[in-house]
Amino acid sequence: LKFVVLICLVIMASTSAQQCGDETCGAGTCCAVFSQNHCRRLSRMYDLCSDHADASPSGNYLFFCPCEPGLHCDRNTWTCTEGSSRSE
């Protein structure tokens, strides 16, 4: 039974992680591309951000991560704000 639990934990950890260059990004982070790929934390209130829709096919973002859950990236200011509506 312990073995089955261990296998389940490994599978859950591997599905929540994202490969980012030589790093593996975990929960609460994304892979942001500068001159190289780096794992960064999700953007918080008033942080600069990328929109979720702007991810590359590999799931990477240019310069900044999208916002934490409950926030959205305002496309006029490129900062995280409260609410779910978008400014177009």
PDB file of N, CA and C in Angstrom:
ATOM      1  N   LEU A   1       0.823  -1.198   0.000  1.00  0.00           N
ATOM      2  CA  LEU A   1       0.000   0.000   0.000  1.00  0.00           C
ATOM      3  C   LEU A   1       0.867   1.263   0.000  1.00  0.00           C
ATOM      4  N   LYS A   2       1.945   1.266   0.766  1.00  0.00           N
ATOM      5  CA  LYS A   2       2.836   2.423   0.789  1.00  0.00           C
ATOM      6  C   LYS A   2       3.449   2.660  -0.591  1.00  0.00           C
ATOM      7  N   PHE A   3       3.753   1.576  -1.283  1.00  0.00           N
ATOM      8  CA  PHE A   3       4.331   1.693  -2.621  1.00  0.00           C
ATOM      9  C   PHE A   3       3.344   2.363  -3.578  1.00  0.00           C
ATOM     10  N   VAL A   4       2.077   1.983  -3.492  1.00  0.00           N
ATOM     11  CA  VAL A   4       1.047   2.566  -4.356  1.00  0.00           C
ATOM     12  C   VAL A   4       0.905   4.062  -4.065  1.00  0.00           C
ATOM     13  N   VAL A   5       0.915   4.439  -2.803  1.00  0.00           N
ATOM     14  CA  VAL A   5       0.824   5.851  -2.423  1.00  0.00           C
ATOM     15  C   VAL A   5       2.037   6.614  -2.961  1.00  0.00           C
ATOM     16  N   LEU A   6       3.214   6.041  -2.842  1.00  0.00           N
ATOM     17  CA  LEU A   6       4.429   6.675  -3.346  1.00  0.00           C
ATOM     18  C   LEU A   6       4.345   6.890  -4.856  1.00  0.00           C
ATOM     19  N   ILE A   7       3.888   5.895  -5.587  1.00  0.00           N
ATOM     20  CA  ILE A   7       3.742   6.014  -7.041  1.00  0.00           C
ATOM     21  C   ILE A   7       2.750   7.128  -7.382  1.00  0.00           C
ATOM     22  N   CYS A   8       1.639   7.193  -6.666  1.00  0.00           N
ATOM     23  CA  CYS A   8       0.641   8.248  -6.910  1.00  0.00           C
ATOM     24  C   CYS A   8       1.233   9.635  -6.666  1.00  0.00           C
ATOM     25  N   LEU A   9       2.017   9.786  -5.610  1.00  0.00           N
ATOM     26  CA  LEU A   9       2.643  11.076  -5.316  1.00  0.00           C
ATOM     27  C   LEU A   9       3.634  11.478  -6.407  1.00  0.00           C
ATOM     28  N   VAL A  10       4.398  10.527  -6.903  1.00  0.00           N
ATOM     29  CA  VAL A  10       5.354  10.811  -7.975  1.00  0.00           C
ATOM     30  C   VAL A  10       4.623  11.238  -9.240  1.00  0.00           C
ATOM     31  N   ILE A  11       3.540  10.565  -9.569  1.00  0.00           N
ATOM     32  CA  ILE A  11       2.765  10.913 -10.762  1.00  0.00           C
ATOM     33  C   ILE A  11       2.164  12.304 -10.617  1.00  0.00           C
ATOM     34  N   MET A  12       1.616  12.624  -9.453  1.00  0.00           N
ATOM     35  CA  MET A  12       1.027  13.951  -9.234  1.00  0.00           C
ATOM     36  C   MET A  12       2.091  15.037  -9.339  1.00  0.00           C
ATOM     37  N   ALA A  13       3.259  14.807  -8.785  1.00  0.00           N
ATOM     38  CA  ALA A  13       4.334  15.800  -8.842  1.00  0.00           C
ATOM     39  C   ALA A  13       4.808  16.006 -10.270  1.00  0.00           C
ATOM     40  N   SER A  14       4.888  14.945 -11.041  1.00  0.00           N
ATOM     41  CA  SER A  14       5.383  15.080 -12.407  1.00  0.00           C
ATOM     42  C   SER A  14       4.378  15.765 -13.308  1.00  0.00           C
ATOM     43  N   THR A  15       3.085  15.630 -13.037  1.00  0.00           N
ATOM     44  CA  THR A  15       2.093  16.285 -13.886  1.00  0.00           C
ATOM     45  C   THR A  15       1.950  17.762 -13.564  1.00  0.00           C
ATOM     46  N   SER A  16       2.313  18.201 -12.357  1.00  0.00           N
ATOM     47  CA  SER A  16       2.199  19.617 -12.011  1.00  0.00           C
ATOM     48  C   SER A  16       3.475  20.383 -12.336  1.00  0.00           C
ATOM     49  N   ALA A  17       4.533  19.696 -12.746  1.00  0.00           N
ATOM     50  CA  ALA A  17       5.802  20.342 -13.044  1.00  0.00           C
ATOM     51  C   ALA A  17       5.925  20.614 -14.538  1.00  0.00           C
ATOM     52  N   GLN A  18       6.687  21.627 -14.891  1.00  0.00           N
ATOM     53  CA  GLN A  18       6.914  21.999 -16.281  1.00  0.00           C
ATOM     54  C   GLN A  18       8.411  22.083 -16.509  1.00  0.00           C
ATOM     55  N   GLN A  19       8.897  21.467 -17.573  1.00  0.00           N
ATOM     56  CA  GLN A  19      10.314  21.546 -17.899  1.00  0.00           C
ATOM     57  C   GLN A  19      10.612  22.926 -18.469  1.00  0.00           C
ATOM     58  N   CYS A  20      11.685  23.536 -17.974  1.00  0.00           N
ATOM     59  CA  CYS A  20      12.042  24.902 -18.368  1.00  0.00           C
ATOM     60  C   CYS A  20      13.555  24.965 -18.525  1.00  0.00           C
ATOM     61  N   GLY A  21      14.054  24.672 -19.707  1.00  0.00           N
ATOM     62  CA  GLY A  21      15.498  24.593 -19.887  1.00  0.00           C
ATOM     63  C   GLY A  21      16.025  23.438 -19.056  1.00  0.00           C
ATOM     64  N   ASP A  22      16.976  23.715 -18.176  1.00  0.00           N
ATOM     65  CA  ASP A  22      17.532  22.681 -17.300  1.00  0.00           C
ATOM     66  C   ASP A  22      16.764  22.560 -15.990  1.00  0.00           C
ATOM     67  N   GLU A  23      15.785  23.432 -15.767  1.00  0.00           N
ATOM     68  CA  GLU A  23      15.003  23.427 -14.533  1.00  0.00           C
ATOM     69  C   GLU A  23      13.651  22.763 -14.752  1.00  0.00           C
ATOM     70  N   THR A  24      13.016  22.383 -13.658  1.00  0.00           N
ATOM     71  CA  THR A  24      11.638  21.916 -13.687  1.00  0.00           C
ATOM     72  C   THR A  24      10.826  22.863 -12.821  1.00  0.00           C
ATOM     73  N   CYS A  25       9.854  23.532 -13.432  1.00  0.00           N
ATOM     74  CA  CYS A  25       9.024  24.498 -12.703  1.00  0.00           C
ATOM     75  C   CYS A  25       7.890  23.774 -11.995  1.00  0.00           C
ATOM     76  N   GLY A  26       7.669  24.103 -10.750  1.00  0.00           N
ATOM     77  CA  GLY A  26       6.621  23.473  -9.959  1.00  0.00           C
ATOM     78  C   GLY A  26       5.364  24.320  -9.888  1.00  0.00           C
ATOM     79  N   ALA A  27       4.491  23.935  -8.995  1.00  0.00           N
ATOM     80  CA  ALA A  27       3.224  24.646  -8.795  1.00  0.00           C
ATOM     81  C   ALA A  27       3.499  26.088  -8.384  1.00  0.00           C
ATOM     82  N   GLY A  28       2.677  27.017  -8.877  1.00  0.00           N
ATOM     83  CA  GLY A  28       2.823  28.422  -8.523  1.00  0.00           C
ATOM     84  C   GLY A  28       3.900  29.146  -9.303  1.00  0.00           C
ATOM     85  N   THR A  29       4.457  28.483 -10.326  1.00  0.00           N
ATOM     86  CA  THR A  29       5.494  29.094 -11.149  1.00  0.00           C
ATOM     87  C   THR A  29       5.187  28.857 -12.621  1.00  0.00           C
ATOM     88  N   CYS A  30       5.934  29.538 -13.475  1.00  0.00           N
ATOM     89  CA  CYS A  30       5.850  29.300 -14.914  1.00  0.00           C
ATOM     90  C   CYS A  30       7.254  29.395 -15.486  1.00  0.00           C
ATOM     91  N   CYS A  31       7.384  29.024 -16.742  1.00  0.00           N
ATOM     92  CA  CYS A  31       8.655  29.141 -17.446  1.00  0.00           C
ATOM     93  C   CYS A  31       8.633  30.436 -18.241  1.00  0.00           C
ATOM     94  N   ALA A  32       9.455  31.399 -17.841  1.00  0.00           N
ATOM     95  CA  ALA A  32       9.539  32.688 -18.525  1.00  0.00           C
ATOM     96  C   ALA A  32      10.833  32.737 -19.326  1.00  0.00           C
ATOM     97  N   VAL A  33      10.735  33.217 -20.557  1.00  0.00           N
ATOM     98  CA  VAL A  33      11.875  33.239 -21.466  1.00  0.00           C
ATOM     99  C   VAL A  33      12.483  34.633 -21.488  1.00  0.00           C
ATOM    100  N   PHE A  34      13.744  34.715 -21.116  1.00  0.00           N
ATOM    101  CA  PHE A  34      14.562  35.918 -21.286  1.00  0.00           C
ATOM    102  C   PHE A  34      15.574  35.520 -22.348  1.00  0.00           C
ATOM    103  N   SER A  35      16.847  35.718 -22.132  1.00  0.00           N
ATOM    104  CA  SER A  35      17.841  35.167 -23.048  1.00  0.00           C
ATOM    105  C   SER A  35      17.908  33.654 -22.861  1.00  0.00           C
ATOM    106  N   GLN A  36      17.494  33.182 -21.685  1.00  0.00           N
ATOM    107  CA  GLN A  36      17.372  31.759 -21.373  1.00  0.00           C
ATOM    108  C   GLN A  36      16.048  31.551 -20.648  1.00  0.00           C
ATOM    109  N   ASN A  37      15.645  30.294 -20.513  1.00  0.00           N
ATOM    110  CA  ASN A  37      14.415  29.973 -19.781  1.00  0.00           C
ATOM    111  C   ASN A  37      14.692  29.959 -18.282  1.00  0.00           C
ATOM    112  N   HIS A  38      13.757  30.520 -17.510  1.00  0.00           N
ATOM    113  CA  HIS A  38      13.871  30.540 -16.049  1.00  0.00           C
ATOM    114  C   HIS A  38      12.502  30.284 -15.432  1.00  0.00           C
ATOM    115  N   CYS A  39      12.463  29.511 -14.351  1.00  0.00           N
ATOM    116  CA  CYS A  39      11.225  29.344 -13.588  1.00  0.00           C
ATOM    117  C   CYS A  39      11.033  30.598 -12.738  1.00  0.00           C
ATOM    118  N   ARG A  40       9.843  31.164 -12.810  1.00  0.00           N
ATOM    119  CA  ARG A  40       9.508  32.350 -12.015  1.00  0.00           C
ATOM    120  C   ARG A  40       8.171  32.116 -11.341  1.00  0.00           C
ATOM    121  N   ARG A  41       7.927  32.813 -10.232  1.00  0.00           N
ATOM    122  CA  ARG A  41       6.631  32.686  -9.560  1.00  0.00           C
ATOM    123  C   ARG A  41       5.565  33.375 -10.406  1.00  0.00           C
ATOM    124  N   LEU A  42       4.327  32.933 -10.254  1.00  0.00           N
ATOM    125  CA  LEU A  42       3.220  33.590 -10.939  1.00  0.00           C
ATOM    126  C   LEU A  42       3.134  35.037 -10.477  1.00  0.00           C
ATOM    127  N   SER A  43       2.721  35.914 -11.362  1.00  0.00           N
ATOM    128  CA  SER A  43       2.639  37.343 -11.039  1.00  0.00           C
ATOM    129  C   SER A  43       1.547  37.598 -10.008  1.00  0.00           C
ATOM    130  N   ARG A  44       1.828  38.524  -9.103  1.00  0.00           N
ATOM    131  CA  ARG A  44       0.891  38.899  -8.044  1.00  0.00           C
ATOM    132  C   ARG A  44       0.273  40.254  -8.361  1.00  0.00           C
ATOM    133  N   MET A  45      -0.624  40.699  -7.492  1.00  0.00           N
ATOM    134  CA  MET A  45      -1.323  41.971  -7.674  1.00  0.00           C
ATOM    135  C   MET A  45      -0.335  43.087  -8.009  1.00  0.00           C
ATOM    136  N   TYR A  46      -0.597  43.809  -9.081  1.00  0.00           N
ATOM    137  CA  TYR A  46       0.180  44.941  -9.584  1.00  0.00           C
ATOM    138  C   TYR A  46       1.532  44.561 -10.193  1.00  0.00           C
ATOM    139  N   ASP A  47       1.880  43.258 -10.226  1.00  0.00           N
ATOM    140  CA  ASP A  47       3.106  42.830 -10.908  1.00  0.00           C
ATOM    141  C   ASP A  47       2.893  42.894 -12.416  1.00  0.00           C
ATOM    142  N   LEU A  48       3.970  43.072 -13.161  1.00  0.00           N
ATOM    143  CA  LEU A  48       3.898  42.942 -14.613  1.00  0.00           C
ATOM    144  C   LEU A  48       3.562  41.497 -14.948  1.00  0.00           C
ATOM    145  N   CYS A  49       2.843  41.279 -16.056  1.00  0.00           N
ATOM    146  CA  CYS A  49       2.349  39.934 -16.346  1.00  0.00           C
ATOM    147  C   CYS A  49       2.241  39.671 -17.842  1.00  0.00           C
ATOM    148  N   SER A  50       2.070  38.403 -18.168  1.00  0.00           N
ATOM    149  CA  SER A  50       1.701  37.940 -19.506  1.00  0.00           C
ATOM    150  C   SER A  50       0.299  37.372 -19.406  1.00  0.00           C
ATOM    151  N   ASP A  51      -0.456  37.472 -20.465  1.00  0.00           N
ATOM    152  CA  ASP A  51      -1.787  36.881 -20.498  1.00  0.00           C
ATOM    153  C   ASP A  51      -1.652  35.370 -20.706  1.00  0.00           C
ATOM    154  N   HIS A  52      -2.546  34.580 -20.110  1.00  0.00           N
ATOM    155  CA  HIS A  52      -2.512  33.124 -20.290  1.00  0.00           C
ATOM    156  C   HIS A  52      -2.528  32.750 -21.765  1.00  0.00           C
ATOM    157  N   ALA A  53      -3.242  33.520 -22.571  1.00  0.00           N
ATOM    158  CA  ALA A  53      -3.368  33.212 -23.999  1.00  0.00           C
ATOM    159  C   ALA A  53      -2.069  33.454 -24.765  1.00  0.00           C
ATOM    160  N   ASP A  54      -1.108  34.124 -24.151  1.00  0.00           N
ATOM    161  CA  ASP A  54       0.142  34.458 -24.832  1.00  0.00           C
ATOM    162  C   ASP A  54       1.233  33.404 -24.669  1.00  0.00           C
ATOM    163  N   ALA A  55       0.899  32.251 -24.128  1.00  0.00           N
ATOM    164  CA  ALA A  55       1.889  31.185 -23.963  1.00  0.00           C
ATOM    165  C   ALA A  55       2.301  30.643 -25.328  1.00  0.00           C
ATOM    166  N   SER A  56       3.560  30.280 -25.453  1.00  0.00           N
ATOM    167  CA  SER A  56       4.040  29.647 -26.682  1.00  0.00           C
ATOM    168  C   SER A  56       3.478  28.225 -26.739  1.00  0.00           C
ATOM    169  N   PRO A  57       3.598  27.542 -27.872  1.00  0.00           N
ATOM    170  CA  PRO A  57       3.109  26.158 -27.946  1.00  0.00           C
ATOM    171  C   PRO A  57       3.734  25.237 -26.888  1.00  0.00           C
ATOM    172  N   SER A  58       4.951  25.553 -26.447  1.00  0.00           N
ATOM    173  CA  SER A  58       5.598  24.736 -25.414  1.00  0.00           C
ATOM    174  C   SER A  58       5.163  25.128 -24.009  1.00  0.00           C
ATOM    175  N   GLY A  59       4.322  26.181 -23.880  1.00  0.00           N
ATOM    176  CA  GLY A  59       3.822  26.600 -22.571  1.00  0.00           C
ATOM    177  C   GLY A  59       4.667  27.658 -21.896  1.00  0.00           C
ATOM    178  N   ASN A  60       5.668  28.187 -22.592  1.00  0.00           N
ATOM    179  CA  ASN A  60       6.531  29.225 -22.028  1.00  0.00           C
ATOM    180  C   ASN A  60       5.934  30.604 -22.275  1.00  0.00           C
ATOM    181  N   TYR A  61       6.339  31.561 -21.439  1.00  0.00           N
ATOM    182  CA  TYR A  61       5.880  32.943 -21.558  1.00  0.00           C
ATOM    183  C   TYR A  61       7.078  33.847 -21.801  1.00  0.00           C
ATOM    184  N   LEU A  62       6.866  34.936 -22.528  1.00  0.00           N
ATOM    185  CA  LEU A  62       7.926  35.883 -22.816  1.00  0.00           C
ATOM    186  C   LEU A  62       8.034  36.883 -21.660  1.00  0.00           C
ATOM    187  N   PHE A  63       9.145  36.881 -20.977  1.00  0.00           N
ATOM    188  CA  PHE A  63       9.511  37.793 -19.884  1.00  0.00           C
ATOM    189  C   PHE A  63       8.769  37.576 -18.568  1.00  0.00           C
ATOM    190  N   PHE A  64       7.428  37.536 -18.560  1.00  0.00           N
ATOM    191  CA  PHE A  64       6.670  37.503 -17.311  1.00  0.00           C
ATOM    192  C   PHE A  64       5.688  36.346 -17.289  1.00  0.00           C
ATOM    193  N   CYS A  65       5.377  35.865 -16.082  1.00  0.00           N
ATOM    194  CA  CYS A  65       4.377  34.810 -15.900  1.00  0.00           C
ATOM    195  C   CYS A  65       2.974  35.414 -15.920  1.00  0.00           C
ATOM    196  N   PRO A  66       1.970  34.567 -16.150  1.00  0.00           N
ATOM    197  CA  PRO A  66       0.594  35.044 -15.992  1.00  0.00           C
ATOM    198  C   PRO A  66       0.306  35.283 -14.505  1.00  0.00           C
ATOM    199  N   CYS A  67      -0.849  35.818 -14.227  1.00  0.00           N
ATOM    200  CA  CYS A  67      -1.229  36.160 -12.845  1.00  0.00           C
ATOM    201  C   CYS A  67      -1.632  34.930 -12.038  1.00  0.00           C
ATOM    202  N   GLU A  68      -1.520  35.081 -10.721  1.00  0.00           N
ATOM    203  CA  GLU A  68      -2.008  34.058  -9.798  1.00  0.00           C
ATOM    204  C   GLU A  68      -3.513  33.874  -9.994  1.00  0.00           C
ATOM    205  N   PRO A  69      -4.055  32.721  -9.578  1.00  0.00           N
ATOM    206  CA  PRO A  69      -5.511  32.522  -9.651  1.00  0.00           C
ATOM    207  C   PRO A  69      -6.254  33.640  -8.918  1.00  0.00           C
ATOM    208  N   GLY A  70      -7.371  34.073  -9.497  1.00  0.00           N
ATOM    209  CA  GLY A  70      -8.168  35.148  -8.917  1.00  0.00           C
ATOM    210  C   GLY A  70      -7.812  36.519  -9.463  1.00  0.00           C
ATOM    211  N   LEU A  71      -6.697  36.617 -10.193  1.00  0.00           N
ATOM    212  CA  LEU A  71      -6.276  37.870 -10.808  1.00  0.00           C
ATOM    213  C   LEU A  71      -6.277  37.699 -12.323  1.00  0.00           C
ATOM    214  N   HIS A  72      -6.290  38.809 -13.039  1.00  0.00           N
ATOM    215  CA  HIS A  72      -6.146  38.734 -14.499  1.00  0.00           C
ATOM    216  C   HIS A  72      -5.151  39.794 -14.958  1.00  0.00           C
ATOM    217  N   CYS A  73      -4.587  39.570 -16.122  1.00  0.00           N
ATOM    218  CA  CYS A  73      -3.597  40.486 -16.677  1.00  0.00           C
ATOM    219  C   CYS A  73      -4.307  41.539 -17.518  1.00  0.00           C
ATOM    220  N   ASP A  74      -4.290  42.770 -17.051  1.00  0.00           N
ATOM    221  CA  ASP A  74      -4.905  43.886 -17.762  1.00  0.00           C
ATOM    222  C   ASP A  74      -4.035  44.216 -18.974  1.00  0.00           C
ATOM    223  N   ARG A  75      -4.596  44.080 -20.167  1.00  0.00           N
ATOM    224  CA  ARG A  75      -3.815  44.276 -21.393  1.00  0.00           C
ATOM    225  C   ARG A  75      -3.502  45.743 -21.680  1.00  0.00           C
ATOM    226  N   ASN A  76      -4.060  46.661 -20.938  1.00  0.00           N
ATOM    227  CA  ASN A  76      -3.706  48.076 -21.103  1.00  0.00           C
ATOM    228  C   ASN A  76      -2.458  48.431 -20.307  1.00  0.00           C
ATOM    229  N   THR A  77      -2.326  47.853 -19.118  1.00  0.00           N
ATOM    230  CA  THR A  77      -1.201  48.177 -18.241  1.00  0.00           C
ATOM    231  C   THR A  77      -0.209  47.030 -18.100  1.00  0.00           C
ATOM    232  N   TRP A  78      -0.598  45.824 -18.553  1.00  0.00           N
ATOM    233  CA  TRP A  78       0.201  44.602 -18.402  1.00  0.00           C
ATOM    234  C   TRP A  78       0.562  44.358 -16.940  1.00  0.00           C
ATOM    235  N   THR A  79      -0.410  44.614 -16.049  1.00  0.00           N
ATOM    236  CA  THR A  79      -0.250  44.316 -14.629  1.00  0.00           C
ATOM    237  C   THR A  79      -1.432  43.473 -14.163  1.00  0.00           C
ATOM    238  N   CYS A  80      -1.214  42.724 -13.084  1.00  0.00           N
ATOM    239  CA  CYS A  80      -2.272  41.885 -12.519  1.00  0.00           C
ATOM    240  C   CYS A  80      -3.245  42.748 -11.727  1.00  0.00           C
ATOM    241  N   THR A  81      -4.529  42.523 -11.958  1.00  0.00           N
ATOM    242  CA  THR A  81      -5.574  43.227 -11.225  1.00  0.00           C
ATOM    243  C   THR A  81      -6.617  42.216 -10.780  1.00  0.00           C
ATOM    244  N   GLU A  82      -7.485  42.632  -9.849  1.00  0.00           N
ATOM    245  CA  GLU A  82      -8.534  41.742  -9.355  1.00  0.00           C
ATOM    246  C   GLU A  82      -9.633  41.582 -10.389  1.00  0.00           C
ATOM    247  N   GLY A  83     -10.360  40.485 -10.256  1.00  0.00           N
ATOM    248  CA  GLY A  83     -11.503  40.241 -11.126  1.00  0.00           C
ATOM    249  C   GLY A  83     -11.149  39.337 -12.280  1.00  0.00           C
ATOM    250  N   SER A  84     -12.172  39.013 -13.055  1.00  0.00           N
ATOM    251  CA  SER A  84     -11.957  38.088 -14.163  1.00  0.00           C
ATOM    252  C   SER A  84     -12.173  38.734 -15.517  1.00  0.00           C
ATOM    253  N   SER A  85     -12.654  39.993 -15.545  1.00  0.00           N
ATOM    254  CA  SER A  85     -12.882  40.645 -16.835  1.00  0.00           C
ATOM    255  C   SER A  85     -11.569  41.170 -17.386  1.00  0.00           C
ATOM    256  N   ARG A  86     -11.515  41.267 -18.706  1.00  0.00           N
ATOM    257  CA  ARG A  86     -10.304  41.756 -19.351  1.00  0.00           C
ATOM    258  C   ARG A  86     -10.528  43.143 -19.909  1.00  0.00           C
ATOM    259  N   SER A  87      -9.489  43.940 -19.895  1.00  0.00           N
ATOM    260  CA  SER A  87      -9.515  45.235 -20.585  1.00  0.00           C
ATOM    261  C   SER A  87      -8.921  45.014 -21.956  1.00  0.00           C
ATOM    262  N   GLU A  88      -9.673  45.310 -22.971  1.00  0.00           N
ATOM    263  CA  GLU A  88      -9.193  45.096 -24.346  1.00  0.00           C
ATOM    264  C   GLU A  88      -8.852  46.419 -24.973  1.00  0.00           C
TER     265      GLU A  88
END
